[in-house]
Each structure stands twice: as C-alpha cells, then as structure tokens.
Amino acid sequence: DEIRGSEYLPTSRLVPEIPNYPQFKGI
C-alpha cells in the first residue's frame, strides 16, 4: 500500500482493464 501509494494509477495487476477479460488482484 505504501509502495504503490504515490502512483497516479496504482495496480496489482499486469494486464490493464479490458472488457470481458477476467478481473482479479495480485499481491
């Protein structure tokens, strides 16, 4: 939460959001 906290668009996923693509979270 701290490492990603200062980012404009923080994420725990590799593939950006795409319609119909599975949505889940990493660590």
mmCIF file of all heavy atoms, coordinates in Angstrom:
data_MODEL
# 
_entry.id   MODEL 
# 
loop_
_atom_site.group_PDB 
_atom_site.id 
_atom_site.type_symbol 
_atom_site.label_atom_id 
_atom_site.label_alt_id 
_atom_site.label_comp_id 
_atom_site.label_asym_id 
_atom_site.label_entity_id 
_atom_site.label_seq_id 
_atom_site.pdbx_PDB_ins_code 
_atom_site.Cartn_x 
_atom_site.Cartn_y 
_atom_site.Cartn_z 
_atom_site.occupancy 
_atom_site.B_iso_or_equiv 
_atom_site.pdbx_formal_charge 
_atom_site.auth_seq_id 
_atom_site.auth_comp_id 
_atom_site.auth_asym_id 
_atom_site.auth_atom_id 
_atom_site.pdbx_PDB_model_num 
ATOM 1   N N   . ASP A 1 1  ? 0.828   -1.205  0.000   1.00 0.00 ? 1  ASP A N   1 
ATOM 2   C CA  . ASP A 1 1  ? 0.000   0.000   0.000   1.00 0.00 ? 1  ASP A CA  1 
ATOM 3   C C   . ASP A 1 1  ? 0.865   1.259   0.000   1.00 0.00 ? 1  ASP A C   1 
ATOM 4   O O   . ASP A 1 1  ? 0.529   2.259   -0.638  1.00 0.00 ? 1  ASP A O   1 
ATOM 5   C CB  . ASP A 1 1  ? -0.947  0.000   1.205   1.00 0.00 ? 1  ASP A CB  1 
ATOM 6   C CG  . ASP A 1 1  ? -0.216  -0.203  2.525   1.00 0.00 ? 1  ASP A CG  1 
ATOM 7   O OD1 . ASP A 1 1  ? 0.935   -0.687  2.516   1.00 0.00 ? 1  ASP A OD1 1 
ATOM 8   O OD2 . ASP A 1 1  ? -0.796  0.126   3.574   1.00 0.00 ? 1  ASP A OD2 1 
ATOM 9   N N   . GLU A 1 2  ? 2.019   1.203   0.669   1.00 0.00 ? 2  GLU A N   1 
ATOM 10  C CA  . GLU A 1 2  ? 2.925   2.354   0.676   1.00 0.00 ? 2  GLU A CA  1 
ATOM 11  C C   . GLU A 1 2  ? 3.726   2.439   -0.625  1.00 0.00 ? 2  GLU A C   1 
ATOM 12  O O   . GLU A 1 2  ? 3.937   3.526   -1.169  1.00 0.00 ? 2  GLU A O   1 
ATOM 13  C CB  . GLU A 1 2  ? 3.893   2.253   1.858   1.00 0.00 ? 2  GLU A CB  1 
ATOM 14  C CG  . GLU A 1 2  ? 3.242   2.334   3.222   1.00 0.00 ? 2  GLU A CG  1 
ATOM 15  C CD  . GLU A 1 2  ? 4.272   2.199   4.328   1.00 0.00 ? 2  GLU A CD  1 
ATOM 16  O OE1 . GLU A 1 2  ? 5.241   3.000   4.322   1.00 0.00 ? 2  GLU A OE1 1 
ATOM 17  O OE2 . GLU A 1 2  ? 4.133   1.295   5.174   1.00 0.00 ? 2  GLU A OE2 1 
ATOM 18  N N   . ILE A 1 3  ? 4.178   1.302   -1.122  1.00 0.00 ? 3  ILE A N   1 
ATOM 19  C CA  . ILE A 1 3  ? 4.989   1.286   -2.342  1.00 0.00 ? 3  ILE A CA  1 
ATOM 20  C C   . ILE A 1 3  ? 4.207   1.838   -3.532  1.00 0.00 ? 3  ILE A C   1 
ATOM 21  O O   . ILE A 1 3  ? 4.727   2.587   -4.358  1.00 0.00 ? 3  ILE A O   1 
ATOM 22  C CB  . ILE A 1 3  ? 5.489   -0.142  -2.630  1.00 0.00 ? 3  ILE A CB  1 
ATOM 23  C CG1 . ILE A 1 3  ? 6.545   -0.545  -1.592  1.00 0.00 ? 3  ILE A CG1 1 
ATOM 24  C CG2 . ILE A 1 3  ? 6.049   -0.260  -4.044  1.00 0.00 ? 3  ILE A CG2 1 
ATOM 25  C CD1 . ILE A 1 3  ? 6.975   -1.991  -1.671  1.00 0.00 ? 3  ILE A CD1 1 
ATOM 26  N N   . ARG A 1 4  ? 2.915   1.485   -3.587  1.00 0.00 ? 4  ARG A N   1 
ATOM 27  C CA  . ARG A 1 4  ? 2.086   1.946   -4.707  1.00 0.00 ? 4  ARG A CA  1 
ATOM 28  C C   . ARG A 1 4  ? 1.332   3.235   -4.387  1.00 0.00 ? 4  ARG A C   1 
ATOM 29  O O   . ARG A 1 4  ? 0.675   3.802   -5.263  1.00 0.00 ? 4  ARG A O   1 
ATOM 30  C CB  . ARG A 1 4  ? 1.075   0.857   -5.069  1.00 0.00 ? 4  ARG A CB  1 
ATOM 31  C CG  . ARG A 1 4  ? 1.698   -0.453  -5.537  1.00 0.00 ? 4  ARG A CG  1 
ATOM 32  C CD  . ARG A 1 4  ? 0.631   -1.470  -5.898  1.00 0.00 ? 4  ARG A CD  1 
ATOM 33  N NE  . ARG A 1 4  ? 1.213   -2.722  -6.383  1.00 0.00 ? 4  ARG A NE  1 
ATOM 34  C CZ  . ARG A 1 4  ? 1.005   -3.918  -5.852  1.00 0.00 ? 4  ARG A CZ  1 
ATOM 35  N NH1 . ARG A 1 4  ? 0.214   -4.047  -4.789  1.00 0.00 ? 4  ARG A NH1 1 
ATOM 36  N NH2 . ARG A 1 4  ? 1.576   -4.995  -6.372  1.00 0.00 ? 4  ARG A NH2 1 
ATOM 37  N N   . GLY A 1 5  ? 1.433   3.675   -3.155  1.00 0.00 ? 5  GLY A N   1 
ATOM 38  C CA  . GLY A 1 5  ? 0.590   4.777   -2.685  1.00 0.00 ? 5  GLY A CA  1 
ATOM 39  C C   . GLY A 1 5  ? 0.739   6.078   -3.429  1.00 0.00 ? 5  GLY A C   1 
ATOM 40  O O   . GLY A 1 5  ? -0.220  6.843   -3.567  1.00 0.00 ? 5  GLY A O   1 
ATOM 41  N N   . SER A 1 6  ? 1.924   6.372   -3.919  1.00 0.00 ? 6  SER A N   1 
ATOM 42  C CA  . SER A 1 6  ? 2.154   7.658   -4.569  1.00 0.00 ? 6  SER A CA  1 
ATOM 43  C C   . SER A 1 6  ? 1.901   7.623   -6.072  1.00 0.00 ? 6  SER A C   1 
ATOM 44  O O   . SER A 1 6  ? 2.066   8.634   -6.762  1.00 0.00 ? 6  SER A O   1 
ATOM 45  C CB  . SER A 1 6  ? 3.604   8.110   -4.316  1.00 0.00 ? 6  SER A CB  1 
ATOM 46  O OG  . SER A 1 6  ? 4.514   7.175   -4.870  1.00 0.00 ? 6  SER A OG  1 
ATOM 47  N N   . GLU A 1 7  ? 1.506   6.464   -6.593  1.00 0.00 ? 7  GLU A N   1 
ATOM 48  C CA  . GLU A 1 7  ? 1.318   6.326   -8.032  1.00 0.00 ? 7  GLU A CA  1 
ATOM 49  C C   . GLU A 1 7  ? -0.017  6.920   -8.487  1.00 0.00 ? 7  GLU A C   1 
ATOM 50  O O   . GLU A 1 7  ? -1.004  6.900   -7.760  1.00 0.00 ? 7  GLU A O   1 
ATOM 51  C CB  . GLU A 1 7  ? 1.385   4.850   -8.441  1.00 0.00 ? 7  GLU A CB  1 
ATOM 52  C CG  . GLU A 1 7  ? 2.706   4.166   -8.129  1.00 0.00 ? 7  GLU A CG  1 
ATOM 53  C CD  . GLU A 1 7  ? 3.874   4.752   -8.903  1.00 0.00 ? 7  GLU A CD  1 
ATOM 54  O OE1 . GLU A 1 7  ? 3.638   5.286   -10.022 1.00 0.00 ? 7  GLU A OE1 1 
ATOM 55  O OE2 . GLU A 1 7  ? 5.011   4.681   -8.406  1.00 0.00 ? 7  GLU A OE2 1 
ATOM 56  N N   . TYR A 1 8  ? -0.026  7.434   -9.710  1.00 0.00 ? 8  TYR A N   1 
ATOM 57  C CA  . TYR A 1 8  ? -1.229  8.044   -10.276 1.00 0.00 ? 8  TYR A CA  1 
ATOM 58  C C   . TYR A 1 8  ? -2.321  6.996   -10.519 1.00 0.00 ? 8  TYR A C   1 
ATOM 59  O O   . TYR A 1 8  ? -3.489  7.218   -10.219 1.00 0.00 ? 8  TYR A O   1 
ATOM 60  C CB  . TYR A 1 8  ? -0.861  8.750   -11.590 1.00 0.00 ? 8  TYR A CB  1 
ATOM 61  C CG  . TYR A 1 8  ? -1.989  9.453   -12.273 1.00 0.00 ? 8  TYR A CG  1 
ATOM 62  C CD1 . TYR A 1 8  ? -2.614  10.557  -11.683 1.00 0.00 ? 8  TYR A CD1 1 
ATOM 63  C CD2 . TYR A 1 8  ? -2.448  9.029   -13.522 1.00 0.00 ? 8  TYR A CD2 1 
ATOM 64  C CE1 . TYR A 1 8  ? -3.658  11.220  -12.307 1.00 0.00 ? 8  TYR A CE1 1 
ATOM 65  C CE2 . TYR A 1 8  ? -3.494  9.684   -14.157 1.00 0.00 ? 8  TYR A CE2 1 
ATOM 66  C CZ  . TYR A 1 8  ? -4.094  10.776  -13.552 1.00 0.00 ? 8  TYR A CZ  1 
ATOM 67  O OH  . TYR A 1 8  ? -5.125  11.423  -14.179 1.00 0.00 ? 8  TYR A OH  1 
ATOM 68  N N   . LEU A 1 9  ? -1.924  5.820   -11.032 1.00 0.00 ? 9  LEU A N   1 
ATOM 69  C CA  . LEU A 1 9  ? -2.863  4.724   -11.293 1.00 0.00 ? 9  LEU A CA  1 
ATOM 70  C C   . LEU A 1 9  ? -2.287  3.434   -10.713 1.00 0.00 ? 9  LEU A C   1 
ATOM 71  O O   . LEU A 1 9  ? -1.833  2.553   -11.439 1.00 0.00 ? 9  LEU A O   1 
ATOM 72  C CB  . LEU A 1 9  ? -3.104  4.561   -12.802 1.00 0.00 ? 9  LEU A CB  1 
ATOM 73  C CG  . LEU A 1 9  ? -3.773  5.724   -13.526 1.00 0.00 ? 9  LEU A CG  1 
ATOM 74  C CD1 . LEU A 1 9  ? -3.725  5.503   -15.042 1.00 0.00 ? 9  LEU A CD1 1 
ATOM 75  C CD2 . LEU A 1 9  ? -5.228  5.890   -13.072 1.00 0.00 ? 9  LEU A CD2 1 
ATOM 76  N N   . PRO A 1 10 ? -2.281  3.288   -9.381  1.00 0.00 ? 10 PRO A N   1 
ATOM 77  C CA  . PRO A 1 10 ? -1.673  2.097   -8.760  1.00 0.00 ? 10 PRO A CA  1 
ATOM 78  C C   . PRO A 1 10 ? -2.414  0.823   -9.150  1.00 0.00 ? 10 PRO A C   1 
ATOM 79  O O   . PRO A 1 10 ? -3.635  0.829   -9.374  1.00 0.00 ? 10 PRO A O   1 
ATOM 80  C CB  . PRO A 1 10 ? -1.806  2.384   -7.265  1.00 0.00 ? 10 PRO A CB  1 
ATOM 81  C CG  . PRO A 1 10 ? -2.957  3.336   -7.149  1.00 0.00 ? 10 PRO A CG  1 
ATOM 82  C CD  . PRO A 1 10 ? -2.902  4.179   -8.386  1.00 0.00 ? 10 PRO A CD  1 
ATOM 83  N N   . THR A 1 11 ? -1.670  -0.277  -9.220  1.00 0.00 ? 11 THR A N   1 
ATOM 84  C CA  . THR A 1 11 ? -2.303  -1.546  -9.590  1.00 0.00 ? 11 THR A CA  1 
ATOM 85  C C   . THR A 1 11 ? -1.511  -2.721  -9.058  1.00 0.00 ? 11 THR A C   1 
ATOM 86  O O   . THR A 1 11 ? -0.292  -2.611  -8.835  1.00 0.00 ? 11 THR A O   1 
ATOM 87  C CB  . THR A 1 11 ? -2.428  -1.670  -11.125 1.00 0.00 ? 11 THR A CB  1 
ATOM 88  O OG1 . THR A 1 11 ? -3.198  -2.835  -11.433 1.00 0.00 ? 11 THR A OG1 1 
ATOM 89  C CG2 . THR A 1 11 ? -1.058  -1.816  -11.785 1.00 0.00 ? 11 THR A CG2 1 
ATOM 90  N N   . SER A 1 12 ? -2.214  -3.839  -8.864  1.00 0.00 ? 12 SER A N   1 
ATOM 91  C CA  . SER A 1 12 ? -1.540  -5.101  -8.522  1.00 0.00 ? 12 SER A CA  1 
ATOM 92  C C   . SER A 1 12 ? -1.685  -6.089  -9.673  1.00 0.00 ? 12 SER A C   1 
ATOM 93  O O   . SER A 1 12 ? -1.323  -7.242  -9.540  1.00 0.00 ? 12 SER A O   1 
ATOM 94  C CB  . SER A 1 12 ? -2.144  -5.697  -7.247  1.00 0.00 ? 12 SER A CB  1 
ATOM 95  O OG  . SER A 1 12 ? -3.512  -6.032  -7.446  1.00 0.00 ? 12 SER A OG  1 
ATOM 96  N N   . ARG A 1 13 ? -2.225  -5.609  -10.815 1.00 0.00 ? 13 ARG A N   1 
ATOM 97  C CA  . ARG A 1 13 ? -2.447  -6.453  -11.988 1.00 0.00 ? 13 ARG A CA  1 
ATOM 98  C C   . ARG A 1 13 ? -1.437  -6.125  -13.077 1.00 0.00 ? 13 ARG A C   1 
ATOM 99  O O   . ARG A 1 13 ? -0.909  -5.015  -13.143 1.00 0.00 ? 13 ARG A O   1 
ATOM 100 C CB  . ARG A 1 13 ? -3.860  -6.237  -12.528 1.00 0.00 ? 13 ARG A CB  1 
ATOM 101 C CG  . ARG A 1 13 ? -4.950  -6.677  -11.579 1.00 0.00 ? 13 ARG A CG  1 
ATOM 102 C CD  . ARG A 1 13 ? -6.288  -6.064  -11.938 1.00 0.00 ? 13 ARG A CD  1 
ATOM 103 N NE  . ARG A 1 13 ? -6.507  -6.004  -13.369 1.00 0.00 ? 13 ARG A NE  1 
ATOM 104 C CZ  . ARG A 1 13 ? -7.422  -5.230  -13.933 1.00 0.00 ? 13 ARG A CZ  1 
ATOM 105 N NH1 . ARG A 1 13 ? -8.177  -4.442  -13.196 1.00 0.00 ? 13 ARG A NH1 1 
ATOM 106 N NH2 . ARG A 1 13 ? -7.582  -5.239  -15.247 1.00 0.00 ? 13 ARG A NH2 1 
ATOM 107 N N   . LEU A 1 14 ? -1.217  -7.089  -13.956 1.00 0.00 ? 14 LEU A N   1 
ATOM 108 C CA  . LEU A 1 14 ? -0.322  -6.868  -15.088 1.00 0.00 ? 14 LEU A CA  1 
ATOM 109 C C   . LEU A 1 14 ? -1.073  -6.309  -16.285 1.00 0.00 ? 14 LEU A C   1 
ATOM 110 O O   . LEU A 1 14 ? -0.693  -5.276  -16.850 1.00 0.00 ? 14 LEU A O   1 
ATOM 111 C CB  . LEU A 1 14 ? 0.367   -8.178  -15.482 1.00 0.00 ? 14 LEU A CB  1 
ATOM 112 C CG  . LEU A 1 14 ? 1.227   -8.141  -16.755 1.00 0.00 ? 14 LEU A CG  1 
ATOM 113 C CD1 . LEU A 1 14 ? 2.368   -7.137  -16.616 1.00 0.00 ? 14 LEU A CD1 1 
ATOM 114 C CD2 . LEU A 1 14 ? 1.759   -9.528  -17.082 1.00 0.00 ? 14 LEU A CD2 1 
ATOM 115 N N   . VAL A 1 15 ? -2.141  -6.962  -16.703 1.00 0.00 ? 15 VAL A N   1 
ATOM 116 C CA  . VAL A 1 15 ? -2.891  -6.554  -17.889 1.00 0.00 ? 15 VAL A CA  1 
ATOM 117 C C   . VAL A 1 15 ? -3.870  -5.441  -17.517 1.00 0.00 ? 15 VAL A C   1 
ATOM 118 O O   . VAL A 1 15 ? -4.699  -5.631  -16.620 1.00 0.00 ? 15 VAL A O   1 
ATOM 119 C CB  . VAL A 1 15 ? -3.652  -7.749  -18.502 1.00 0.00 ? 15 VAL A CB  1 
ATOM 120 C CG1 . VAL A 1 15 ? -4.456  -7.306  -19.724 1.00 0.00 ? 15 VAL A CG1 1 
ATOM 121 C CG2 . VAL A 1 15 ? -2.673  -8.857  -18.884 1.00 0.00 ? 15 VAL A CG2 1 
ATOM 122 N N   . PRO A 1 16 ? -3.804  -4.279  -18.172 1.00 0.00 ? 16 PRO A N   1 
ATOM 123 C CA  . PRO A 1 16 ? -4.786  -3.218  -17.898 1.00 0.00 ? 16 PRO A CA  1 
ATOM 124 C C   . PRO A 1 16 ? -6.204  -3.698  -18.186 1.00 0.00 ? 16 PRO A C   1 
ATOM 125 O O   . PRO A 1 16 ? -6.416  -4.684  -18.896 1.00 0.00 ? 16 PRO A O   1 
ATOM 126 C CB  . PRO A 1 16 ? -4.367  -2.101  -18.863 1.00 0.00 ? 16 PRO A CB  1 
ATOM 127 C CG  . PRO A 1 16 ? -2.929  -2.361  -19.162 1.00 0.00 ? 16 PRO A CG  1 
ATOM 128 C CD  . PRO A 1 16 ? -2.785  -3.857  -19.140 1.00 0.00 ? 16 PRO A CD  1 
ATOM 129 N N   . GLU A 1 17 ? -7.167  -2.977  -17.646 1.00 0.00 ? 17 GLU A N   1 
ATOM 130 C CA  . GLU A 1 17 ? -8.562  -3.396  -17.762 1.00 0.00 ? 17 GLU A CA  1 
ATOM 131 C C   . GLU A 1 17 ? -9.013  -3.452  -19.213 1.00 0.00 ? 17 GLU A C   1 
ATOM 132 O O   . GLU A 1 17 ? -8.830  -2.510  -19.986 1.00 0.00 ? 17 GLU A O   1 
ATOM 133 C CB  . GLU A 1 17 ? -9.457  -2.434  -16.980 1.00 0.00 ? 17 GLU A CB  1 
ATOM 134 C CG  . GLU A 1 17 ? -10.899 -2.878  -16.905 1.00 0.00 ? 17 GLU A CG  1 
ATOM 135 C CD  . GLU A 1 17 ? -11.716 -2.027  -15.955 1.00 0.00 ? 17 GLU A CD  1 
ATOM 136 O OE1 . GLU A 1 17 ? -11.112 -1.320  -15.123 1.00 0.00 ? 17 GLU A OE1 1 
ATOM 137 O OE2 . GLU A 1 17 ? -12.955 -2.066  -16.054 1.00 0.00 ? 17 GLU A OE2 1 
ATOM 138 N N   . ILE A 1 18 ? -9.610  -4.593  -19.587 1.00 0.00 ? 18 ILE A N   1 
ATOM 139 C CA  . ILE A 1 18 ? -10.133 -4.828  -20.924 1.00 0.00 ? 18 ILE A CA  1 
ATOM 140 C C   . ILE A 1 18 ? -11.524 -5.439  -20.762 1.00 0.00 ? 18 ILE A C   1 
ATOM 141 O O   . ILE A 1 18 ? -11.713 -6.323  -19.928 1.00 0.00 ? 18 ILE A O   1 
ATOM 142 C CB  . ILE A 1 18 ? -9.240  -5.809  -21.719 1.00 0.00 ? 18 ILE A CB  1 
ATOM 143 C CG1 . ILE A 1 18 ? -7.861  -5.200  -21.960 1.00 0.00 ? 18 ILE A CG1 1 
ATOM 144 C CG2 . ILE A 1 18 ? -9.870  -6.173  -23.054 1.00 0.00 ? 18 ILE A CG2 1 
ATOM 145 C CD1 . ILE A 1 18 ? -6.906  -6.157  -22.643 1.00 0.00 ? 18 ILE A CD1 1 
ATOM 146 N N   . PRO A 1 19 ? -12.506 -4.993  -21.539 1.00 0.00 ? 19 PRO A N   1 
ATOM 147 C CA  . PRO A 1 19 ? -13.842 -5.596  -21.427 1.00 0.00 ? 19 PRO A CA  1 
ATOM 148 C C   . PRO A 1 19 ? -13.802 -7.113  -21.599 1.00 0.00 ? 19 PRO A C   1 
ATOM 149 O O   . PRO A 1 19 ? -13.129 -7.628  -22.490 1.00 0.00 ? 19 PRO A O   1 
ATOM 150 C CB  . PRO A 1 19 ? -14.615 -4.929  -22.580 1.00 0.00 ? 19 PRO A CB  1 
ATOM 151 C CG  . PRO A 1 19 ? -13.921 -3.618  -22.788 1.00 0.00 ? 19 PRO A CG  1 
ATOM 152 C CD  . PRO A 1 19 ? -12.470 -3.886  -22.510 1.00 0.00 ? 19 PRO A CD  1 
ATOM 153 N N   . ASN A 1 20 ? -14.492 -7.813  -20.707 1.00 0.00 ? 20 ASN A N   1 
ATOM 154 C CA  . ASN A 1 20 ? -14.644 -9.278  -20.732 1.00 0.00 ? 20 ASN A CA  1 
ATOM 155 C C   . ASN A 1 20 ? -13.389 -10.045 -20.303 1.00 0.00 ? 20 ASN A C   1 
ATOM 156 O O   . ASN A 1 20 ? -13.415 -11.273 -20.254 1.00 0.00 ? 20 ASN A O   1 
ATOM 157 C CB  . ASN A 1 20 ? -15.084 -9.765  -22.124 1.00 0.00 ? 20 ASN A CB  1 
ATOM 158 C CG  . ASN A 1 20 ? -16.378 -9.134  -22.578 1.00 0.00 ? 20 ASN A CG  1 
ATOM 159 O OD1 . ASN A 1 20 ? -17.320 -8.992  -21.797 1.00 0.00 ? 20 ASN A OD1 1 
ATOM 160 N ND2 . ASN A 1 20 ? -16.427 -8.723  -23.840 1.00 0.00 ? 20 ASN A ND2 1 
ATOM 161 N N   . TYR A 1 21 ? -12.301 -9.336  -19.999 1.00 0.00 ? 21 TYR A N   1 
ATOM 162 C CA  . TYR A 1 21 ? -11.106 -10.027 -19.513 1.00 0.00 ? 21 TYR A CA  1 
ATOM 163 C C   . TYR A 1 21 ? -11.236 -10.206 -18.000 1.00 0.00 ? 21 TYR A C   1 
ATOM 164 O O   . TYR A 1 21 ? -11.691 -9.297  -17.296 1.00 0.00 ? 21 TYR A O   1 
ATOM 165 C CB  . TYR A 1 21 ? -9.858  -9.219  -19.863 1.00 0.00 ? 21 TYR A CB  1 
ATOM 166 C CG  . TYR A 1 21 ? -8.554  -9.902  -19.485 1.00 0.00 ? 21 TYR A CG  1 
ATOM 167 C CD1 . TYR A 1 21 ? -8.043  -10.928 -20.270 1.00 0.00 ? 21 TYR A CD1 1 
ATOM 168 C CD2 . TYR A 1 21 ? -7.854  -9.528  -18.334 1.00 0.00 ? 21 TYR A CD2 1 
ATOM 169 C CE1 . TYR A 1 21 ? -6.862  -11.557 -19.920 1.00 0.00 ? 21 TYR A CE1 1 
ATOM 170 C CE2 . TYR A 1 21 ? -6.669  -10.152 -17.984 1.00 0.00 ? 21 TYR A CE2 1 
ATOM 171 C CZ  . TYR A 1 21 ? -6.178  -11.167 -18.778 1.00 0.00 ? 21 TYR A CZ  1 
ATOM 172 O OH  . TYR A 1 21 ? -5.009  -11.802 -18.439 1.00 0.00 ? 21 TYR A OH  1 
ATOM 173 N N   . PRO A 1 22 ? -10.850 -11.369 -17.444 1.00 0.00 ? 22 PRO A N   1 
ATOM 174 C CA  . PRO A 1 22 ? -11.015 -11.626 -16.006 1.00 0.00 ? 22 PRO A CA  1 
ATOM 175 C C   . PRO A 1 22 ? -10.368 -10.546 -15.136 1.00 0.00 ? 22 PRO A C   1 
ATOM 176 O O   . PRO A 1 22 ? -9.259  -10.087 -15.413 1.00 0.00 ? 22 PRO A O   1 
ATOM 177 C CB  . PRO A 1 22 ? -10.312 -12.978 -15.814 1.00 0.00 ? 22 PRO A CB  1 
ATOM 178 C CG  . PRO A 1 22 ? -10.336 -13.623 -17.154 1.00 0.00 ? 22 PRO A CG  1 
ATOM 179 C CD  . PRO A 1 22 ? -10.232 -12.510 -18.147 1.00 0.00 ? 22 PRO A CD  1 
ATOM 180 N N   . GLN A 1 23 ? -11.092 -10.165 -14.107 1.00 0.00 ? 23 GLN A N   1 
ATOM 181 C CA  . GLN A 1 23 ? -10.601 -9.146  -13.184 1.00 0.00 ? 23 GLN A CA  1 
ATOM 182 C C   . GLN A 1 23 ? -10.232 -9.808  -11.852 1.00 0.00 ? 23 GLN A C   1 
ATOM 183 O O   . GLN A 1 23 ? -11.068 -10.425 -11.210 1.00 0.00 ? 23 GLN A O   1 
ATOM 184 C CB  . GLN A 1 23 ? -11.681 -8.086  -12.941 1.00 0.00 ? 23 GLN A CB  1 
ATOM 185 C CG  . GLN A 1 23 ? -12.217 -7.442  -14.215 1.00 0.00 ? 23 GLN A CG  1 
ATOM 186 C CD  . GLN A 1 23 ? -11.177 -6.594  -14.901 1.00 0.00 ? 23 GLN A CD  1 
ATOM 187 O OE1 . GLN A 1 23 ? -10.490 -5.808  -14.267 1.00 0.00 ? 23 GLN A OE1 1 
ATOM 188 N NE2 . GLN A 1 23 ? -11.052 -6.748  -16.210 1.00 0.00 ? 23 GLN A NE2 1 
ATOM 189 N N   . PHE A 1 24 ? -8.983  -9.713  -11.478 1.00 0.00 ? 24 PHE A N   1 
ATOM 190 C CA  . PHE A 1 24 ? -8.560  -10.217 -10.174 1.00 0.00 ? 24 PHE A CA  1 
ATOM 191 C C   . PHE A 1 24 ? -7.355  -9.406  -9.737  1.00 0.00 ? 24 PHE A C   1 
ATOM 192 O O   . PHE A 1 24 ? -6.805  -8.618  -10.508 1.00 0.00 ? 24 PHE A O   1 
ATOM 193 C CB  . PHE A 1 24 ? -8.214  -11.711 -10.232 1.00 0.00 ? 24 PHE A CB  1 
ATOM 194 C CG  . PHE A 1 24 ? -7.161  -12.046 -11.252 1.00 0.00 ? 24 PHE A CG  1 
ATOM 195 C CD1 . PHE A 1 24 ? -5.820  -11.919 -10.957 1.00 0.00 ? 24 PHE A CD1 1 
ATOM 196 C CD2 . PHE A 1 24 ? -7.519  -12.469 -12.522 1.00 0.00 ? 24 PHE A CD2 1 
ATOM 197 C CE1 . PHE A 1 24 ? -4.854  -12.207 -11.907 1.00 0.00 ? 24 PHE A CE1 1 
ATOM 198 C CE2 . PHE A 1 24 ? -6.567  -12.767 -13.471 1.00 0.00 ? 24 PHE A CE2 1 
ATOM 199 C CZ  . PHE A 1 24 ? -5.225  -12.633 -13.163 1.00 0.00 ? 24 PHE A CZ  1 
ATOM 200 N N   . LYS A 1 25 ? -6.937  -9.611  -8.510  1.00 0.00 ? 25 LYS A N   1 
ATOM 201 C CA  . LYS A 1 25 ? -5.855  -8.817  -7.943  1.00 0.00 ? 25 LYS A CA  1 
ATOM 202 C C   . LYS A 1 25 ? -4.665  -9.693  -7.606  1.00 0.00 ? 25 LYS A C   1 
ATOM 203 O O   . LYS A 1 25 ? -4.811  -10.863 -7.266  1.00 0.00 ? 25 LYS A O   1 
ATOM 204 C CB  . LYS A 1 25 ? -6.350  -8.089  -6.688  1.00 0.00 ? 25 LYS A CB  1 
ATOM 205 C CG  . LYS A 1 25 ? -7.480  -7.104  -6.969  1.00 0.00 ? 25 LYS A CG  1 
ATOM 206 C CD  . LYS A 1 25 ? -7.978  -6.456  -5.693  1.00 0.00 ? 25 LYS A CD  1 
ATOM 207 C CE  . LYS A 1 25 ? -9.113  -5.477  -5.995  1.00 0.00 ? 25 LYS A CE  1 
ATOM 208 N NZ  . LYS A 1 25 ? -9.632  -4.834  -4.753  1.00 0.00 ? 25 LYS A NZ  1 
ATOM 209 N N   . GLY A 1 26 ? -3.479  -9.093  -7.689  1.00 0.00 ? 26 GLY A N   1 
ATOM 210 C CA  . GLY A 1 26 ? -2.266  -9.774  -7.291  1.00 0.00 ? 26 GLY A CA  1 
ATOM 211 C C   . GLY A 1 26 ? -1.987  -9.542  -5.812  1.00 0.00 ? 26 GLY A C   1 
ATOM 212 O O   . GLY A 1 26 ? -2.895  -9.274  -5.021  1.00 0.00 ? 26 GLY A O   1 
ATOM 213 N N   . ILE A 1 27 ? -0.733  -9.615  -5.410  1.00 0.00 ? 27 ILE A N   1 
ATOM 214 C CA  . ILE A 1 27 ? -0.356  -9.403  -4.003  1.00 0.00 ? 27 ILE A CA  1 
ATOM 215 C C   . ILE A 1 27 ? -0.488  -7.922  -3.665  1.00 0.00 ? 27 ILE A C   1 
ATOM 216 O O   . ILE A 1 27 ? 0.111   -7.068  -4.322  1.00 0.00 ? 27 ILE A O   1 
ATOM 217 C CB  . ILE A 1 27 ? 1.078   -9.899  -3.755  1.00 0.00 ? 27 ILE A CB  1 
ATOM 218 C CG1 . ILE A 1 27 ? 1.136   -11.421 -3.970  1.00 0.00 ? 27 ILE A CG1 1 
ATOM 219 C CG2 . ILE A 1 27 ? 1.544   -9.531  -2.345  1.00 0.00 ? 27 ILE A CG2 1 
ATOM 220 C CD1 . ILE A 1 27 ? 2.531   -12.010 -3.922  1.00 0.00 ? 27 ILE A CD1 1 
# 
